[in-house]
Amino acid sequence: MSERVTVLLFAGARDLVGAPEVRLPWTPGMTVQTLLSALGQAFPTLVPYLPSVRVAVNGTYAHGHEAVSPTDELAVIPPVAGG
């Protein structure tokens, strides 16, 4: 059985997928960017939304090149409007 990562979805991402979290296959060398690509392939309705989201790994915003492991807590967070 292959390892998987659990991705928590918030706001618009959750609405587009229809679930608060999804599980995706984890691959060795996976990064935040490849995770987002896998998310877009699994849920094409998210593709236009993905360039504007941030990904948090274990509660900290991560950059695209940062590694992802199957034990990480991953969250897709939409942009926050302020005023």
N, C-alpha and C. Protein backbone atom coordinates (compact mmCIF):
# COMPACT_ATOMS: atom_id res chain seq x y z
N MET A 1 0.85 -1.18 0.00
CA MET A 1 0.00 0.00 0.00
C MET A 1 0.89 1.24 0.00
N SER A 2 0.62 2.17 -0.88
CA SER A 2 1.46 3.36 -0.98
C SER A 2 1.06 4.37 0.09
N GLU A 3 2.03 5.20 0.45
CA GLU A 3 1.76 6.22 1.46
C GLU A 3 0.95 7.35 0.84
N ARG A 4 0.20 8.03 1.70
CA ARG A 4 -0.65 9.12 1.26
C ARG A 4 -0.45 10.30 2.19
N VAL A 5 -0.78 11.49 1.68
CA VAL A 5 -0.77 12.70 2.50
C VAL A 5 -2.20 13.18 2.64
N THR A 6 -2.50 13.72 3.80
CA THR A 6 -3.81 14.32 4.03
C THR A 6 -3.65 15.82 3.92
N VAL A 7 -4.53 16.43 3.13
CA VAL A 7 -4.48 17.87 2.90
C VAL A 7 -5.79 18.47 3.41
N LEU A 8 -5.69 19.38 4.37
CA LEU A 8 -6.85 20.10 4.88
C LEU A 8 -7.19 21.23 3.93
N LEU A 9 -8.46 21.41 3.64
CA LEU A 9 -8.91 22.45 2.72
C LEU A 9 -9.78 23.46 3.46
N PHE A 10 -9.58 24.72 3.16
CA PHE A 10 -10.34 25.78 3.82
C PHE A 10 -11.04 26.67 2.79
N ALA A 11 -12.13 27.29 3.21
CA ALA A 11 -12.87 28.30 2.46
C ALA A 11 -13.20 27.82 1.05
N GLY A 12 -12.80 28.59 0.03
CA GLY A 12 -13.15 28.29 -1.36
C GLY A 12 -12.67 26.94 -1.83
N ALA A 13 -11.49 26.52 -1.40
CA ALA A 13 -10.97 25.21 -1.80
C ALA A 13 -11.88 24.10 -1.28
N ARG A 14 -12.29 24.22 -0.04
CA ARG A 14 -13.20 23.23 0.55
C ARG A 14 -14.53 23.22 -0.21
N ASP A 15 -15.03 24.41 -0.56
CA ASP A 15 -16.30 24.49 -1.28
C ASP A 15 -16.20 23.84 -2.66
N LEU A 16 -15.10 24.07 -3.36
CA LEU A 16 -14.94 23.52 -4.71
C LEU A 16 -14.80 22.00 -4.71
N VAL A 17 -14.16 21.46 -3.69
CA VAL A 17 -13.97 20.01 -3.60
C VAL A 17 -15.16 19.33 -2.93
N GLY A 18 -15.83 20.06 -2.05
CA GLY A 18 -16.97 19.48 -1.34
C GLY A 18 -16.59 18.65 -0.14
N ALA A 19 -15.36 18.89 0.38
CA ALA A 19 -14.89 18.13 1.54
C ALA A 19 -13.85 18.97 2.29
N PRO A 20 -13.75 18.80 3.60
CA PRO A 20 -12.77 19.57 4.37
C PRO A 20 -11.35 19.05 4.27
N GLU A 21 -11.19 17.84 3.74
CA GLU A 21 -9.84 17.29 3.56
C GLU A 21 -9.86 16.25 2.46
N VAL A 22 -8.69 16.04 1.87
CA VAL A 22 -8.52 15.01 0.84
C VAL A 22 -7.22 14.26 1.12
N ARG A 23 -7.14 13.06 0.58
CA ARG A 23 -5.91 12.26 0.70
C ARG A 23 -5.37 12.04 -0.70
N LEU A 24 -4.08 12.29 -0.85
CA LEU A 24 -3.42 12.15 -2.14
C LEU A 24 -2.22 11.22 -1.99
N PRO A 25 -1.83 10.54 -3.07
CA PRO A 25 -0.62 9.71 -3.00
C PRO A 25 0.60 10.58 -2.72
N TRP A 26 1.45 10.10 -1.83
CA TRP A 26 2.72 10.77 -1.55
C TRP A 26 3.79 10.09 -2.38
N THR A 27 4.69 10.89 -2.94
CA THR A 27 5.81 10.34 -3.69
C THR A 27 7.10 10.87 -3.08
N PRO A 28 8.15 10.05 -3.06
CA PRO A 28 9.43 10.53 -2.55
C PRO A 28 9.87 11.78 -3.31
N GLY A 29 10.37 12.74 -2.58
CA GLY A 29 10.79 14.00 -3.18
C GLY A 29 9.66 15.00 -3.38
N MET A 30 8.47 14.68 -2.90
CA MET A 30 7.33 15.59 -3.06
C MET A 30 7.63 16.91 -2.37
N THR A 31 7.27 17.99 -3.06
CA THR A 31 7.40 19.34 -2.52
C THR A 31 6.03 19.98 -2.46
N VAL A 32 5.98 21.17 -1.89
CA VAL A 32 4.72 21.91 -1.86
C VAL A 32 4.20 22.10 -3.28
N GLN A 33 5.08 22.44 -4.21
CA GLN A 33 4.66 22.67 -5.60
C GLN A 33 4.11 21.40 -6.25
N THR A 34 4.78 20.27 -6.05
CA THR A 34 4.27 19.04 -6.65
C THR A 34 2.99 18.58 -5.96
N LEU A 35 2.84 18.91 -4.69
CA LEU A 35 1.59 18.63 -4.00
C LEU A 35 0.45 19.43 -4.63
N LEU A 36 0.68 20.71 -4.90
CA LEU A 36 -0.35 21.53 -5.54
C LEU A 36 -0.68 21.02 -6.93
N SER A 37 0.32 20.57 -7.66
CA SER A 37 0.07 20.00 -8.99
C SER A 37 -0.79 18.75 -8.88
N ALA A 38 -0.47 17.89 -7.91
CA ALA A 38 -1.26 16.67 -7.71
C ALA A 38 -2.70 17.01 -7.30
N LEU A 39 -2.85 18.04 -6.49
CA LEU A 39 -4.18 18.48 -6.08
C LEU A 39 -4.98 18.96 -7.28
N GLY A 40 -4.34 19.73 -8.16
CA GLY A 40 -5.00 20.20 -9.38
C GLY A 40 -5.37 19.08 -10.32
N GLN A 41 -4.52 18.05 -10.41
CA GLN A 41 -4.85 16.90 -11.27
C GLN A 41 -6.01 16.11 -10.71
N ALA A 42 -6.05 15.96 -9.39
CA ALA A 42 -7.12 15.19 -8.76
C ALA A 42 -8.44 15.96 -8.75
N PHE A 43 -8.35 17.30 -8.68
CA PHE A 43 -9.55 18.13 -8.59
C PHE A 43 -9.40 19.31 -9.55
N PRO A 44 -9.70 19.09 -10.84
CA PRO A 44 -9.50 20.14 -11.85
C PRO A 44 -10.22 21.45 -11.56
N THR A 45 -11.30 21.41 -10.80
CA THR A 45 -12.01 22.66 -10.47
C THR A 45 -11.14 23.58 -9.61
N LEU A 46 -10.12 23.04 -8.98
CA LEU A 46 -9.22 23.85 -8.14
C LEU A 46 -8.14 24.58 -8.93
N VAL A 47 -7.86 24.14 -10.16
CA VAL A 47 -6.72 24.66 -10.92
C VAL A 47 -6.70 26.20 -10.97
N PRO A 48 -7.80 26.89 -11.30
CA PRO A 48 -7.73 28.35 -11.35
C PRO A 48 -7.48 28.99 -9.98
N TYR A 49 -7.81 28.28 -8.94
CA TYR A 49 -7.72 28.79 -7.57
C TYR A 49 -6.32 28.61 -6.96
N LEU A 50 -5.58 27.60 -7.43
CA LEU A 50 -4.31 27.22 -6.79
C LEU A 50 -3.21 28.28 -6.82
N PRO A 51 -3.09 29.10 -7.86
CA PRO A 51 -2.01 30.11 -7.83
C PRO A 51 -2.15 31.13 -6.69
N SER A 52 -3.33 31.29 -6.14
CA SER A 52 -3.53 32.30 -5.10
C SER A 52 -3.55 31.74 -3.68
N VAL A 53 -3.42 30.41 -3.53
CA VAL A 53 -3.46 29.83 -2.19
C VAL A 53 -2.07 29.76 -1.58
N ARG A 54 -2.04 29.62 -0.27
CA ARG A 54 -0.80 29.33 0.45
C ARG A 54 -0.94 27.94 1.02
N VAL A 55 0.18 27.28 1.20
CA VAL A 55 0.19 25.96 1.83
C VAL A 55 0.94 26.07 3.15
N ALA A 56 0.32 25.57 4.19
CA ALA A 56 0.98 25.51 5.49
C ALA A 56 1.40 24.06 5.74
N VAL A 57 2.64 23.89 6.16
CA VAL A 57 3.17 22.59 6.52
C VAL A 57 3.45 22.64 8.02
N ASN A 58 2.73 21.82 8.76
CA ASN A 58 2.86 21.78 10.22
C ASN A 58 2.68 23.16 10.85
N GLY A 59 1.69 23.90 10.33
CA GLY A 59 1.31 25.18 10.92
C GLY A 59 2.13 26.38 10.47
N THR A 60 3.06 26.18 9.54
CA THR A 60 3.90 27.28 9.06
C THR A 60 3.78 27.38 7.55
N TYR A 61 3.58 28.60 7.04
CA TYR A 61 3.52 28.77 5.59
C TYR A 61 4.80 28.26 4.96
N ALA A 62 4.66 27.53 3.86
CA ALA A 62 5.80 26.92 3.19
C ALA A 62 5.93 27.45 1.77
N HIS A 63 7.14 27.38 1.24
CA HIS A 63 7.42 27.79 -0.13
C HIS A 63 7.37 26.56 -1.03
N GLY A 64 7.24 26.79 -2.33
CA GLY A 64 7.06 25.72 -3.30
C GLY A 64 8.11 24.64 -3.31
N HIS A 65 9.35 24.97 -2.98
CA HIS A 65 10.44 24.01 -3.04
C HIS A 65 10.58 23.16 -1.77
N GLU A 66 9.80 23.49 -0.74
CA GLU A 66 9.94 22.79 0.54
C GLU A 66 9.37 21.37 0.46
N ALA A 67 10.05 20.45 1.10
CA ALA A 67 9.66 19.03 1.07
C ALA A 67 8.40 18.78 1.89
N VAL A 68 7.68 17.77 1.46
CA VAL A 68 6.45 17.33 2.12
C VAL A 68 6.61 15.85 2.46
N SER A 69 6.29 15.48 3.69
CA SER A 69 6.34 14.07 4.06
C SER A 69 4.93 13.59 4.40
N PRO A 70 4.70 12.30 4.38
CA PRO A 70 3.36 11.78 4.66
C PRO A 70 2.89 12.03 6.09
N THR A 71 3.79 12.37 7.00
CA THR A 71 3.38 12.63 8.38
C THR A 71 3.13 14.12 8.65
N ASP A 72 3.37 14.97 7.65
CA ASP A 72 3.14 16.42 7.84
C ASP A 72 1.66 16.74 7.90
N GLU A 73 1.33 17.79 8.64
CA GLU A 73 -0.01 18.36 8.59
C GLU A 73 0.01 19.41 7.50
N LEU A 74 -0.78 19.20 6.45
CA LEU A 74 -0.79 20.09 5.30
C LEU A 74 -2.13 20.79 5.21
N ALA A 75 -2.10 22.09 4.92
CA ALA A 75 -3.33 22.85 4.81
C ALA A 75 -3.24 23.80 3.63
N VAL A 76 -4.30 23.86 2.84
CA VAL A 76 -4.42 24.81 1.74
C VAL A 76 -5.26 25.97 2.26
N ILE A 77 -4.64 27.16 2.25
CA ILE A 77 -5.26 28.33 2.87
C ILE A 77 -5.45 29.41 1.80
N PRO A 78 -6.68 29.94 1.70
CA PRO A 78 -6.94 30.96 0.70
C PRO A 78 -6.33 32.31 1.10
N PRO A 79 -6.24 33.23 0.15
CA PRO A 79 -5.78 34.56 0.51
C PRO A 79 -6.75 35.20 1.49
N VAL A 80 -6.22 36.03 2.36
CA VAL A 80 -7.05 36.69 3.37
C VAL A 80 -7.17 38.16 3.00
N ALA A 81 -8.40 38.61 2.91
CA ALA A 81 -8.64 40.03 2.62
C ALA A 81 -8.68 40.80 3.94
N GLY A 82 -8.16 41.97 3.91
CA GLY A 82 -8.17 42.79 5.13
C GLY A 82 -8.69 44.17 4.82
N GLY A 83 -8.87 44.92 5.86
CA GLY A 83 -9.37 46.26 5.60
C GLY A 83 -9.29 47.13 6.80
